[in-house]
Amino acid sequence: MNDRRSGILPSNDQFLIDKVRTINPRLERVENFAERIKSP
C-alpha cells in the first residue's frame, strides 16, 4: 500500500501516519486522521 506516497499527503504527515500504523496497526483513529488530512 505504497500508492499513498504519490504526493496526496505531505511527506511529513504521511511519515508520522506510517510510523504510528507500523507501531499499532489496530489504531483505526489513525485511518480517520489520514482521511481528514486528505479531505480539506
PDB file of N, CA and C in Angstrom:
ATOM      1  N   MET A   1       0.841  -1.203   0.000  1.00  0.00           N
ATOM      2  CA  MET A   1       0.000   0.000   0.000  1.00  0.00           C
ATOM      3  C   MET A   1       0.870   1.245   0.000  1.00  0.00           C
ATOM      4  N   ASN A   2       1.768   1.329  -0.948  1.00  0.00           N
ATOM      5  CA  ASN A   2       2.651   2.482  -1.030  1.00  0.00           C
ATOM      6  C   ASN A   2       2.099   3.542  -1.978  1.00  0.00           C
ATOM      7  N   ASP A   3       0.911   3.288  -2.556  1.00  0.00           N
ATOM      8  CA  ASP A   3       0.358   4.254  -3.502  1.00  0.00           C
ATOM      9  C   ASP A   3      -0.053   5.544  -2.803  1.00  0.00           C
ATOM     10  N   ARG A   4      -0.145   5.539  -1.477  1.00  0.00           N
ATOM     11  CA  ARG A   4      -0.487   6.771  -0.764  1.00  0.00           C
ATOM     12  C   ARG A   4       0.680   7.741  -0.753  1.00  0.00           C
ATOM     13  N   ARG A   5       1.867   7.260  -1.096  1.00  0.00           N
ATOM     14  CA  ARG A   5       3.048   8.120  -1.086  1.00  0.00           C
ATOM     15  C   ARG A   5       3.196   8.878  -2.399  1.00  0.00           C
ATOM     16  N   SER A   6       2.144   8.925  -3.200  1.00  0.00           N
ATOM     17  CA  SER A   6       2.239   9.556  -4.514  1.00  0.00           C
ATOM     18  C   SER A   6       2.162  11.076  -4.409  1.00  0.00           C
ATOM     19  N   GLY A   7       2.086  11.614  -3.189  1.00  0.00           N
ATOM     20  CA  GLY A   7       2.078  13.060  -3.030  1.00  0.00           C
ATOM     21  C   GLY A   7       0.720  13.600  -2.641  1.00  0.00           C
ATOM     22  N   ILE A   8      -0.211  12.709  -2.268  1.00  0.00           N
ATOM     23  CA  ILE A   8      -1.531  13.164  -1.840  1.00  0.00           C
ATOM     24  C   ILE A   8      -1.407  13.872  -0.490  1.00  0.00           C
ATOM     25  N   LEU A   9      -0.563  13.320   0.374  1.00  0.00           N
ATOM     26  CA  LEU A   9      -0.358  13.906   1.685  1.00  0.00           C
ATOM     27  C   LEU A   9       1.040  14.494   1.763  1.00  0.00           C
ATOM     28  N   PRO A  10       1.238  15.487   2.627  1.00  0.00           N
ATOM     29  CA  PRO A  10       2.589  15.972   2.887  1.00  0.00           C
ATOM     30  C   PRO A  10       3.451  14.829   3.402  1.00  0.00           C
ATOM     31  N   SER A  11       4.679  14.749   2.930  1.00  0.00           N
ATOM     32  CA  SER A  11       5.536  13.609   3.246  1.00  0.00           C
ATOM     33  C   SER A  11       5.728  13.461   4.757  1.00  0.00           C
ATOM     34  N   ASN A  12       5.778  14.584   5.470  1.00  0.00           N
ATOM     35  CA  ASN A  12       5.997  14.511   6.911  1.00  0.00           C
ATOM     36  C   ASN A  12       4.796  13.884   7.608  1.00  0.00           C
ATOM     37  N   ASP A  13       3.581  14.316   7.238  1.00  0.00           N
ATOM     38  CA  ASP A  13       2.379  13.743   7.833  1.00  0.00           C
ATOM     39  C   ASP A  13       2.274  12.267   7.481  1.00  0.00           C
ATOM     40  N   GLN A  14       2.571  11.932   6.234  1.00  0.00           N
ATOM     41  CA  GLN A  14       2.500  10.539   5.807  1.00  0.00           C
ATOM     42  C   GLN A  14       3.497   9.697   6.588  1.00  0.00           C
ATOM     43  N   PHE A  15       4.670  10.258   6.835  1.00  0.00           N
ATOM     44  CA  PHE A  15       5.690   9.536   7.598  1.00  0.00           C
ATOM     45  C   PHE A  15       5.198   9.246   9.015  1.00  0.00           C
ATOM     46  N   LEU A  16       4.587  10.257   9.644  1.00  0.00           N
ATOM     47  CA  LEU A  16       4.085  10.066  11.002  1.00  0.00           C
ATOM     48  C   LEU A  16       2.963   9.039  11.024  1.00  0.00           C
ATOM     49  N   ILE A  17       2.070   9.117  10.040  1.00  0.00           N
ATOM     50  CA  ILE A  17       0.962   8.165   9.963  1.00  0.00           C
ATOM     51  C   ILE A  17       1.492   6.753   9.777  1.00  0.00           C
ATOM     52  N   ASP A  18       2.441   6.593   8.848  1.00  0.00           N
ATOM     53  CA  ASP A  18       3.013   5.268   8.608  1.00  0.00           C
ATOM     54  C   ASP A  18       3.703   4.750   9.863  1.00  0.00           C
ATOM     55  N   LYS A  19       4.368   5.632  10.583  1.00  0.00           N
ATOM     56  CA  LYS A  19       5.093   5.207  11.782  1.00  0.00           C
ATOM     57  C   LYS A  19       4.112   4.721  12.846  1.00  0.00           C
ATOM     58  N   VAL A  20       3.043   5.473  13.049  1.00  0.00           N
ATOM     59  CA  VAL A  20       2.048   5.071  14.050  1.00  0.00           C
ATOM     60  C   VAL A  20       1.355   3.780  13.618  1.00  0.00           C
ATOM     61  N   ARG A  21       1.050   3.679  12.325  1.00  0.00           N
ATOM     62  CA  ARG A  21       0.384   2.473  11.839  1.00  0.00           C
ATOM     63  C   ARG A  21       1.293   1.265  11.977  1.00  0.00           C
ATOM     64  N   THR A  22       2.602   1.483  11.838  1.00  0.00           N
ATOM     65  CA  THR A  22       3.543   0.378  11.985  1.00  0.00           C
ATOM     66  C   THR A  22       3.628  -0.046  13.451  1.00  0.00           C
ATOM     67  N   ILE A  23       3.580   0.937  14.347  1.00  0.00           N
ATOM     68  CA  ILE A  23       3.664   0.632  15.776  1.00  0.00           C
ATOM     69  C   ILE A  23       2.374  -0.047  16.241  1.00  0.00           C
ATOM     70  N   ASN A  24       1.238   0.472  15.833  1.00  0.00           N
ATOM     71  CA  ASN A  24      -0.039  -0.082  16.272  1.00  0.00           C
ATOM     72  C   ASN A  24      -1.022  -0.078  15.109  1.00  0.00           C
ATOM     73  N   PRO A  25      -1.021  -1.129  14.297  1.00  0.00           N
ATOM     74  CA  PRO A  25      -1.881  -1.199  13.112  1.00  0.00           C
ATOM     75  C   PRO A  25      -3.365  -1.230  13.462  1.00  0.00           C
ATOM     76  N   ARG A  26      -3.692  -1.444  14.723  1.00  0.00           N
ATOM     77  CA  ARG A  26      -5.099  -1.540  15.123  1.00  0.00           C
ATOM     78  C   ARG A  26      -5.721  -0.173  15.376  1.00  0.00           C
ATOM     79  N   LEU A  27      -4.904   0.883  15.310  1.00  0.00           N
ATOM     80  CA  LEU A  27      -5.429   2.220  15.579  1.00  0.00           C
ATOM     81  C   LEU A  27      -6.279   2.699  14.410  1.00  0.00           C
ATOM     82  N   GLU A  28      -7.597   2.533  14.518  1.00  0.00           N
ATOM     83  CA  GLU A  28      -8.483   2.975  13.449  1.00  0.00           C
ATOM     84  C   GLU A  28      -8.548   4.495  13.400  1.00  0.00           C
ATOM     85  N   ARG A  29      -8.250   5.138  14.519  1.00  0.00           N
ATOM     86  CA  ARG A  29      -8.289   6.602  14.553  1.00  0.00           C
ATOM     87  C   ARG A  29      -7.227   7.194  13.641  1.00  0.00           C
ATOM     88  N   VAL A  30      -6.147   6.481  13.457  1.00  0.00           N
ATOM     89  CA  VAL A  30      -5.101   6.955  12.553  1.00  0.00           C
ATOM     90  C   VAL A  30      -5.638   6.989  11.128  1.00  0.00           C
ATOM     91  N   GLU A  31      -6.421   5.984  10.755  1.00  0.00           N
ATOM     92  CA  GLU A  31      -7.033   5.962   9.427  1.00  0.00           C
ATOM     93  C   GLU A  31      -7.974   7.149   9.271  1.00  0.00           C
ATOM     94  N   ASN A  32      -8.770   7.415  10.285  1.00  0.00           N
ATOM     95  CA  ASN A  32      -9.694   8.544  10.226  1.00  0.00           C
ATOM     96  C   ASN A  32      -8.930   9.855  10.128  1.00  0.00           C
ATOM     97  N   PHE A  33      -7.819   9.939  10.834  1.00  0.00           N
ATOM     98  CA  PHE A  33      -6.978  11.135  10.785  1.00  0.00           C
ATOM     99  C   PHE A  33      -6.431  11.340   9.377  1.00  0.00           C
ATOM    100  N   ALA A  34      -6.018  10.246   8.755  1.00  0.00           N
ATOM    101  CA  ALA A  34      -5.487  10.334   7.396  1.00  0.00           C
ATOM    102  C   ALA A  34      -6.581  10.781   6.431  1.00  0.00           C
ATOM    103  N   GLU A  35      -7.787  10.283   6.606  1.00  0.00           N
ATOM    104  CA  GLU A  35      -8.887  10.677   5.731  1.00  0.00           C
ATOM    105  C   GLU A  35      -9.188  12.162   5.889  1.00  0.00           C
ATOM    106  N   ARG A  36      -9.083  12.673   7.115  1.00  0.00           N
ATOM    107  CA  ARG A  36      -9.349  14.092   7.341  1.00  0.00           C
ATOM    108  C   ARG A  36      -8.294  14.961   6.671  1.00  0.00           C
ATOM    109  N   ILE A  37      -7.052  14.497   6.673  1.00  0.00           N
ATOM    110  CA  ILE A  37      -5.990  15.263   6.021  1.00  0.00           C
ATOM    111  C   ILE A  37      -6.213  15.282   4.513  1.00  0.00           C
ATOM    112  N   LYS A  38      -6.646  14.160   3.959  1.00  0.00           N
ATOM    113  CA  LYS A  38      -6.822  14.078   2.510  1.00  0.00           C
ATOM    114  C   LYS A  38      -8.009  14.912   2.054  1.00  0.00           C
ATOM    115  N   SER A  39      -8.997  15.086   2.942  1.00  0.00           N
ATOM    116  CA  SER A  39     -10.187  15.846   2.567  1.00  0.00           C
ATOM    117  C   SER A  39     -10.158  17.211   3.240  1.00  0.00           C
ATOM    118  N   PRO A  40      -9.771  18.249   2.507  1.00  0.00           N
ATOM    119  CA  PRO A  40      -9.679  19.595   3.075  1.00  0.00           C
ATOM    120  C   PRO A  40     -11.060  20.112   3.491  1.00  0.00           C
TER     121      PRO A  40
END
